[in-house]
Amino acid sequence: MDHIAITGRQIAAARALLGMSQSKLAEGANISVPTLKRMEASDGPASGMINNVAAVRLVLESAGIEFFNGTGVKLGSR
């Protein structure tokens, strides 16, 4: 995992690609649903504690999501 910031829109798009609910992602990242909602609602880089954003990113990347160019996401092979 690199240290490029991910955006709230990337998190929401990644979740949509996976068909993953907010509650499932929040549970996997060990954060609350309201915390995830705030991240996804962020303009620009996802807001929140760095460790929480990293945990969300890890769950999504473990499910096959690739983040790129600071704005894009794709579902790669696992």
PDB file of N, CA and C in Angstrom:
ATOM      1  N   MET A   1       0.853  -1.171   0.000  1.00  0.00           N
ATOM      2  CA  MET A   1       0.000   0.000   0.000  1.00  0.00           C
ATOM      3  C   MET A   1       0.896   1.229   0.000  1.00  0.00           C
ATOM      4  N   ASP A   2       0.626   2.144  -0.929  1.00  0.00           N
ATOM      5  CA  ASP A   2       1.401   3.375  -0.951  1.00  0.00           C
ATOM      6  C   ASP A   2       0.744   4.403  -0.038  1.00  0.00           C
ATOM      7  N   HIS A   3       1.346   5.582   0.015  1.00  0.00           N
ATOM      8  CA  HIS A   3       0.855   6.594   0.936  1.00  0.00           C
ATOM      9  C   HIS A   3       0.068   7.694   0.242  1.00  0.00           C
ATOM     10  N   ILE A   4      -0.382   7.458  -0.984  1.00  0.00           N
ATOM     11  CA  ILE A   4      -1.194   8.437  -1.680  1.00  0.00           C
ATOM     12  C   ILE A   4      -2.571   8.466  -1.028  1.00  0.00           C
ATOM     13  N   ALA A   5      -3.033   9.660  -0.716  1.00  0.00           N
ATOM     14  CA  ALA A   5      -4.339   9.806  -0.069  1.00  0.00           C
ATOM     15  C   ALA A   5      -5.447   9.320  -0.996  1.00  0.00           C
ATOM     16  N   ILE A   6      -6.435   8.668  -0.426  1.00  0.00           N
ATOM     17  CA  ILE A   6      -7.615   8.280  -1.195  1.00  0.00           C
ATOM     18  C   ILE A   6      -8.746   9.228  -0.831  1.00  0.00           C
ATOM     19  N   THR A   7      -9.680   9.359  -1.743  1.00  0.00           N
ATOM     20  CA  THR A   7     -10.783  10.288  -1.530  1.00  0.00           C
ATOM     21  C   THR A   7     -12.029   9.553  -1.062  1.00  0.00           C
ATOM     22  N   GLY A   8     -12.951  10.334  -0.528  1.00  0.00           N
ATOM     23  CA  GLY A   8     -14.236   9.765  -0.131  1.00  0.00           C
ATOM     24  C   GLY A   8     -14.963   9.154  -1.309  1.00  0.00           C
ATOM     25  N   ARG A   9     -14.879   9.807  -2.458  1.00  0.00           N
ATOM     26  CA  ARG A   9     -15.526   9.274  -3.662  1.00  0.00           C
ATOM     27  C   ARG A   9     -14.906   7.954  -4.090  1.00  0.00           C
ATOM     28  N   GLN A  10     -13.586   7.827  -3.929  1.00  0.00           N
ATOM     29  CA  GLN A  10     -12.945   6.555  -4.256  1.00  0.00           C
ATOM     30  C   GLN A  10     -13.439   5.437  -3.339  1.00  0.00           C
ATOM     31  N   ILE A  11     -13.598   5.740  -2.070  1.00  0.00           N
ATOM     32  CA  ILE A  11     -14.085   4.726  -1.135  1.00  0.00           C
ATOM     33  C   ILE A  11     -15.493   4.289  -1.537  1.00  0.00           C
ATOM     34  N   ALA A  12     -16.367   5.256  -1.803  1.00  0.00           N
ATOM     35  CA  ALA A  12     -17.746   4.927  -2.190  1.00  0.00           C
ATOM     36  C   ALA A  12     -17.777   4.150  -3.499  1.00  0.00           C
ATOM     37  N   ALA A  13     -16.945   4.548  -4.465  1.00  0.00           N
ATOM     38  CA  ALA A  13     -16.903   3.850  -5.755  1.00  0.00           C
ATOM     39  C   ALA A  13     -16.382   2.425  -5.584  1.00  0.00           C
ATOM     40  N   ALA A  14     -15.362   2.270  -4.761  1.00  0.00           N
ATOM     41  CA  ALA A  14     -14.805   0.943  -4.521  1.00  0.00           C
ATOM     42  C   ALA A  14     -15.841   0.029  -3.881  1.00  0.00           C
ATOM     43  N   ARG A  15     -16.566   0.573  -2.921  1.00  0.00           N
ATOM     44  CA  ARG A  15     -17.627  -0.204  -2.270  1.00  0.00           C
ATOM     45  C   ARG A  15     -18.668  -0.628  -3.278  1.00  0.00           C
ATOM     46  N   ALA A  16     -19.044   0.299  -4.169  1.00  0.00           N
ATOM     47  CA  ALA A  16     -20.057   0.002  -5.188  1.00  0.00           C
ATOM     48  C   ALA A  16     -19.560  -1.098  -6.137  1.00  0.00           C
ATOM     49  N   LEU A  17     -18.295  -1.026  -6.543  1.00  0.00           N
ATOM     50  CA  LEU A  17     -17.739  -2.062  -7.421  1.00  0.00           C
ATOM     51  C   LEU A  17     -17.809  -3.443  -6.781  1.00  0.00           C
ATOM     52  N   LEU A  18     -17.612  -3.472  -5.486  1.00  0.00           N
ATOM     53  CA  LEU A  18     -17.633  -4.745  -4.756  1.00  0.00           C
ATOM     54  C   LEU A  18     -19.041  -5.183  -4.353  1.00  0.00           C
ATOM     55  N   GLY A  19     -20.005  -4.260  -4.445  1.00  0.00           N
ATOM     56  CA  GLY A  19     -21.347  -4.561  -3.948  1.00  0.00           C
ATOM     57  C   GLY A  19     -21.349  -4.714  -2.436  1.00  0.00           C
ATOM     58  N   MET A  20     -20.497  -3.946  -1.775  1.00  0.00           N
ATOM     59  CA  MET A  20     -20.325  -4.049  -0.328  1.00  0.00           C
ATOM     60  C   MET A  20     -21.114  -2.940   0.369  1.00  0.00           C
ATOM     61  N   SER A  21     -21.826  -3.285   1.406  1.00  0.00           N
ATOM     62  CA  SER A  21     -22.578  -2.290   2.168  1.00  0.00           C
ATOM     63  C   SER A  21     -21.647  -1.476   3.054  1.00  0.00           C
ATOM     64  N   GLN A  22     -22.125  -0.315   3.475  1.00  0.00           N
ATOM     65  CA  GLN A  22     -21.351   0.494   4.412  1.00  0.00           C
ATOM     66  C   GLN A  22     -21.133  -0.264   5.714  1.00  0.00           C
ATOM     67  N   SER A  23     -22.143  -0.974   6.172  1.00  0.00           N
ATOM     68  CA  SER A  23     -21.991  -1.687   7.442  1.00  0.00           C
ATOM     69  C   SER A  23     -20.949  -2.800   7.344  1.00  0.00           C
ATOM     70  N   LYS A  24     -20.891  -3.481   6.217  1.00  0.00           N
ATOM     71  CA  LYS A  24     -19.907  -4.556   6.034  1.00  0.00           C
ATOM     72  C   LYS A  24     -18.488  -3.978   5.996  1.00  0.00           C
ATOM     73  N   LEU A  25     -18.304  -2.875   5.270  1.00  0.00           N
ATOM     74  CA  LEU A  25     -16.981  -2.256   5.199  1.00  0.00           C
ATOM     75  C   LEU A  25     -16.573  -1.705   6.565  1.00  0.00           C
ATOM     76  N   ALA A  26     -17.490  -1.040   7.235  1.00  0.00           N
ATOM     77  CA  ALA A  26     -17.192  -0.487   8.559  1.00  0.00           C
ATOM     78  C   ALA A  26     -16.803  -1.602   9.530  1.00  0.00           C
ATOM     79  N   GLU A  27     -17.527  -2.696   9.484  1.00  0.00           N
ATOM     80  CA  GLU A  27     -17.221  -3.829  10.361  1.00  0.00           C
ATOM     81  C   GLU A  27     -15.833  -4.381  10.061  1.00  0.00           C
ATOM     82  N   GLY A  28     -15.522  -4.550   8.782  1.00  0.00           N
ATOM     83  CA  GLY A  28     -14.210  -5.074   8.391  1.00  0.00           C
ATOM     84  C   GLY A  28     -13.064  -4.164   8.798  1.00  0.00           C
ATOM     85  N   ALA A  29     -13.312  -2.861   8.783  1.00  0.00           N
ATOM     86  CA  ALA A  29     -12.284  -1.886   9.143  1.00  0.00           C
ATOM     87  C   ALA A  29     -12.303  -1.540  10.630  1.00  0.00           C
ATOM     88  N   ASN A  30     -13.250  -2.118  11.355  1.00  0.00           N
ATOM     89  CA  ASN A  30     -13.394  -1.882  12.794  1.00  0.00           C
ATOM     90  C   ASN A  30     -13.629  -0.400  13.110  1.00  0.00           C
ATOM     91  N   ILE A  31     -14.521   0.203  12.318  1.00  0.00           N
ATOM     92  CA  ILE A  31     -14.927   1.593  12.550  1.00  0.00           C
ATOM     93  C   ILE A  31     -16.456   1.634  12.568  1.00  0.00           C
ATOM     94  N   SER A  32     -17.019   2.754  12.973  1.00  0.00           N
ATOM     95  CA  SER A  32     -18.474   2.882  12.978  1.00  0.00           C
ATOM     96  C   SER A  32     -18.983   3.285  11.598  1.00  0.00           C
ATOM     97  N   VAL A  33     -20.242   2.986  11.337  1.00  0.00           N
ATOM     98  CA  VAL A  33     -20.869   3.391  10.078  1.00  0.00           C
ATOM     99  C   VAL A  33     -20.876   4.920   9.945  1.00  0.00           C
ATOM    100  N   PRO A  34     -21.206   5.682  10.994  1.00  0.00           N
ATOM    101  CA  PRO A  34     -21.130   7.146  10.848  1.00  0.00           C
ATOM    102  C   PRO A  34     -19.730   7.644  10.468  1.00  0.00           C
ATOM    103  N   THR A  35     -18.688   6.996  10.991  1.00  0.00           N
ATOM    104  CA  THR A  35     -17.320   7.380  10.613  1.00  0.00           C
ATOM    105  C   THR A  35     -17.092   7.137   9.132  1.00  0.00           C
ATOM    106  N   LEU A  36     -17.536   5.985   8.636  1.00  0.00           N
ATOM    107  CA  LEU A  36     -17.394   5.680   7.216  1.00  0.00           C
ATOM    108  C   LEU A  36     -18.199   6.661   6.369  1.00  0.00           C
ATOM    109  N   LYS A  37     -19.397   6.984   6.804  1.00  0.00           N
ATOM    110  CA  LYS A  37     -20.223   7.943   6.057  1.00  0.00           C
ATOM    111  C   LYS A  37     -19.526   9.291   5.941  1.00  0.00           C
ATOM    112  N   ARG A  38     -18.881   9.726   7.027  1.00  0.00           N
ATOM    113  CA  ARG A  38     -18.138  10.998   6.982  1.00  0.00           C
ATOM    114  C   ARG A  38     -16.973  10.910   6.001  1.00  0.00           C
ATOM    115  N   MET A  39     -16.285   9.777   5.992  1.00  0.00           N
ATOM    116  CA  MET A  39     -15.180   9.591   5.035  1.00  0.00           C
ATOM    117  C   MET A  39     -15.690   9.708   3.603  1.00  0.00           C
ATOM    118  N   GLU A  40     -16.768   8.989   3.310  1.00  0.00           N
ATOM    119  CA  GLU A  40     -17.305   8.974   1.947  1.00  0.00           C
ATOM    120  C   GLU A  40     -17.849  10.335   1.538  1.00  0.00           C
ATOM    121  N   ALA A  41     -18.295  11.136   2.479  1.00  0.00           N
ATOM    122  CA  ALA A  41     -18.856  12.449   2.172  1.00  0.00           C
ATOM    123  C   ALA A  41     -17.780  13.517   1.989  1.00  0.00           C
ATOM    124  N   SER A  42     -16.540  13.169   2.243  1.00  0.00           N
ATOM    125  CA  SER A  42     -15.444  14.137   2.153  1.00  0.00           C
ATOM    126  C   SER A  42     -15.236  14.614   0.727  1.00  0.00           C
ATOM    127  N   ASP A  43     -15.025  15.921   0.596  1.00  0.00           N
ATOM    128  CA  ASP A  43     -14.541  16.475  -0.669  1.00  0.00           C
ATOM    129  C   ASP A  43     -13.025  16.382  -0.605  1.00  0.00           C
ATOM    130  N   GLY A  44     -12.427  15.760  -1.579  1.00  0.00           N
ATOM    131  CA  GLY A  44     -10.975  15.584  -1.541  1.00  0.00           C
ATOM    132  C   GLY A  44     -10.603  14.377  -0.710  1.00  0.00           C
ATOM    133  N   PRO A  45      -9.409  14.403  -0.119  1.00  0.00           N
ATOM    134  CA  PRO A  45      -8.950  13.251   0.659  1.00  0.00           C
ATOM    135  C   PRO A  45      -9.952  12.868   1.751  1.00  0.00           C
ATOM    136  N   ALA A  46     -10.106  11.572   1.956  1.00  0.00           N
ATOM    137  CA  ALA A  46     -11.039  11.070   2.966  1.00  0.00           C
ATOM    138  C   ALA A  46     -10.678  11.631   4.329  1.00  0.00           C
ATOM    139  N   SER A  47     -11.681  12.160   5.018  1.00  0.00           N
ATOM    140  CA  SER A  47     -11.443  12.725   6.340  1.00  0.00           C
ATOM    141  C   SER A  47     -11.449  11.618   7.380  1.00  0.00           C
ATOM    142  N   GLY A  48     -10.803  11.899   8.471  1.00  0.00           N
ATOM    143  CA  GLY A  48     -10.783  10.939   9.564  1.00  0.00           C
ATOM    144  C   GLY A  48      -9.371  10.648  10.007  1.00  0.00           C
ATOM    145  N   MET A  49      -9.277   9.860  11.052  1.00  0.00           N
ATOM    146  CA  MET A  49      -7.969   9.484  11.579  1.00  0.00           C
ATOM    147  C   MET A  49      -7.239   8.632  10.544  1.00  0.00           C
ATOM    148  N   ILE A  50      -5.955   8.867  10.427  1.00  0.00           N
ATOM    149  CA  ILE A  50      -5.150   8.182   9.415  1.00  0.00           C
ATOM    150  C   ILE A  50      -5.279   6.670   9.528  1.00  0.00           C
ATOM    151  N   ASN A  51      -5.279   6.149  10.740  1.00  0.00           N
ATOM    152  CA  ASN A  51      -5.375   4.698  10.918  1.00  0.00           C
ATOM    153  C   ASN A  51      -6.732   4.164  10.458  1.00  0.00           C
ATOM    154  N   ASN A  52      -7.803   4.944  10.620  1.00  0.00           N
ATOM    155  CA  ASN A  52      -9.122   4.498  10.169  1.00  0.00           C
ATOM    156  C   ASN A  52      -9.209   4.483   8.649  1.00  0.00           C
ATOM    157  N   VAL A  53      -8.676   5.519   8.006  1.00  0.00           N
ATOM    158  CA  VAL A  53      -8.657   5.554   6.538  1.00  0.00           C
ATOM    159  C   VAL A  53      -7.809   4.399   6.019  1.00  0.00           C
ATOM    160  N   ALA A  54      -6.676   4.145   6.650  1.00  0.00           N
ATOM    161  CA  ALA A  54      -5.810   3.037   6.246  1.00  0.00           C
ATOM    162  C   ALA A  54      -6.520   1.690   6.407  1.00  0.00           C
ATOM    163  N   ALA A  55      -7.297   1.539   7.461  1.00  0.00           N
ATOM    164  CA  ALA A  55      -8.023   0.291   7.694  1.00  0.00           C
ATOM    165  C   ALA A  55      -9.078   0.069   6.606  1.00  0.00           C
ATOM    166  N   VAL A  56      -9.783   1.134   6.229  1.00  0.00           N
ATOM    167  CA  VAL A  56     -10.775   1.039   5.155  1.00  0.00           C
ATOM    168  C   VAL A  56     -10.083   0.662   3.848  1.00  0.00           C
ATOM    169  N   ARG A  57      -8.990   1.335   3.574  1.00  0.00           N
ATOM    170  CA  ARG A  57      -8.244   1.044   2.345  1.00  0.00           C
ATOM    171  C   ARG A  57      -7.777  -0.406   2.314  1.00  0.00           C
ATOM    172  N   LEU A  58      -7.285  -0.901   3.434  1.00  0.00           N
ATOM    173  CA  LEU A  58      -6.801  -2.283   3.509  1.00  0.00           C
ATOM    174  C   LEU A  58      -7.920  -3.280   3.218  1.00  0.00           C
ATOM    175  N   VAL A  59      -9.088  -3.054   3.795  1.00  0.00           N
ATOM    176  CA  VAL A  59     -10.225  -3.950   3.537  1.00  0.00           C
ATOM    177  C   VAL A  59     -10.570  -3.955   2.050  1.00  0.00           C
ATOM    178  N   LEU A  60     -10.627  -2.775   1.454  1.00  0.00           N
ATOM    179  CA  LEU A  60     -10.989  -2.672   0.037  1.00  0.00           C
ATOM    180  C   LEU A  60      -9.921  -3.294  -0.861  1.00  0.00           C
ATOM    181  N   GLU A  61      -8.657  -3.024  -0.566  1.00  0.00           N
ATOM    182  CA  GLU A  61      -7.583  -3.611  -1.373  1.00  0.00           C
ATOM    183  C   GLU A  61      -7.525  -5.124  -1.203  1.00  0.00           C
ATOM    184  N   SER A  62      -7.810  -5.612  -0.011  1.00  0.00           N
ATOM    185  CA  SER A  62      -7.833  -7.058   0.221  1.00  0.00           C
ATOM    186  C   SER A  62      -8.943  -7.739  -0.571  1.00  0.00           C
ATOM    187  N   ALA A  63      -9.991  -6.970  -0.888  1.00  0.00           N
ATOM    188  CA  ALA A  63     -11.114  -7.501  -1.671  1.00  0.00           C
ATOM    189  C   ALA A  63     -10.880  -7.352  -3.175  1.00  0.00           C
ATOM    190  N   GLY A  64      -9.724  -6.786  -3.569  1.00  0.00           N
ATOM    191  CA  GLY A  64      -9.378  -6.707  -4.980  1.00  0.00           C
ATOM    192  C   GLY A  64      -9.414  -5.320  -5.605  1.00  0.00           C
ATOM    193  N   ILE A  65      -9.670  -4.302  -4.804  1.00  0.00           N
ATOM    194  CA  ILE A  65      -9.715  -2.932  -5.323  1.00  0.00           C
ATOM    195  C   ILE A  65      -8.302  -2.392  -5.493  1.00  0.00           C
ATOM    196  N   GLU A  66      -8.097  -1.667  -6.590  1.00  0.00           N
ATOM    197  CA  GLU A  66      -6.838  -0.964  -6.822  1.00  0.00           C
ATOM    198  C   GLU A  66      -7.153   0.522  -6.931  1.00  0.00           C
ATOM    199  N   PHE A  67      -6.432   1.331  -6.171  1.00  0.00           N
ATOM    200  CA  PHE A  67      -6.579   2.782  -6.218  1.00  0.00           C
ATOM    201  C   PHE A  67      -5.455   3.328  -7.088  1.00  0.00           C
ATOM    202  N   PHE A  68      -5.770   4.319  -7.940  1.00  0.00           N
ATOM    203  CA  PHE A  68      -4.726   4.887  -8.785  1.00  0.00           C
ATOM    204  C   PHE A  68      -5.023   6.333  -9.149  1.00  0.00           C
ATOM    205  N   ASN A  69      -3.969   7.031  -9.540  1.00  0.00           N
ATOM    206  CA  ASN A  69      -4.034   8.413 -10.029  1.00  0.00           C
ATOM    207  C   ASN A  69      -4.670   9.385  -9.058  1.00  0.00           C
ATOM    208  N   GLY A  70      -4.817   9.035  -7.816  1.00  0.00           N
ATOM    209  CA  GLY A  70      -5.420   9.938  -6.859  1.00  0.00           C
ATOM    210  C   GLY A  70      -6.906  10.158  -7.057  1.00  0.00           C
ATOM    211  N   THR A  71      -7.493   9.577  -8.107  1.00  0.00           N
ATOM    212  CA  THR A  71      -8.929   9.757  -8.339  1.00  0.00           C
ATOM    213  C   THR A  71      -9.633   8.486  -8.777  1.00  0.00           C
ATOM    214  N   GLY A  72      -8.905   7.483  -9.236  1.00  0.00           N
ATOM    215  CA  GLY A  72      -9.547   6.318  -9.819  1.00  0.00           C
ATOM    216  C   GLY A  72      -9.524   5.087  -8.945  1.00  0.00           C
ATOM    217  N   VAL A  73     -10.409   4.165  -9.279  1.00  0.00           N
ATOM    218  CA  VAL A  73     -10.442   2.846  -8.652  1.00  0.00           C
ATOM    219  C   VAL A  73     -10.785   1.824  -9.724  1.00  0.00           C
ATOM    220  N   LYS A  74     -10.304   0.616  -9.518  1.00  0.00           N
ATOM    221  CA  LYS A  74     -10.732  -0.476 -10.386  1.00  0.00           C
ATOM    222  C   LYS A  74     -10.712  -1.756  -9.583  1.00  0.00           C
ATOM    223  N   LEU A  75     -11.485  -2.700 -10.063  1.00  0.00           N
ATOM    224  CA  LEU A  75     -11.529  -4.014  -9.432  1.00  0.00           C
ATOM    225  C   LEU A  75     -10.560  -4.891 -10.191  1.00  0.00           C
ATOM    226  N   GLY A  76      -9.446  -5.195  -9.560  1.00  0.00           N
ATOM    227  CA  GLY A  76      -8.421  -6.034 -10.178  1.00  0.00           C
ATOM    228  C   GLY A  76      -8.630  -7.486  -9.801  1.00  0.00           C
ATOM    229  N   SER A  77      -7.647  -8.274 -10.113  1.00  0.00           N
ATOM    230  CA  SER A  77      -7.725  -9.688  -9.738  1.00  0.00           C
ATOM    231  C   SER A  77      -7.179  -9.861  -8.327  1.00  0.00           C
ATOM    232  N   ARG A  78      -7.717 -10.802  -7.619  1.00  0.00           N
ATOM    233  CA  ARG A  78      -7.248 -11.064  -6.242  1.00  0.00           C
ATOM    234  C   ARG A  78      -6.245 -12.165  -6.250  1.00  0.00           C
TER     235      ARG A  78
END
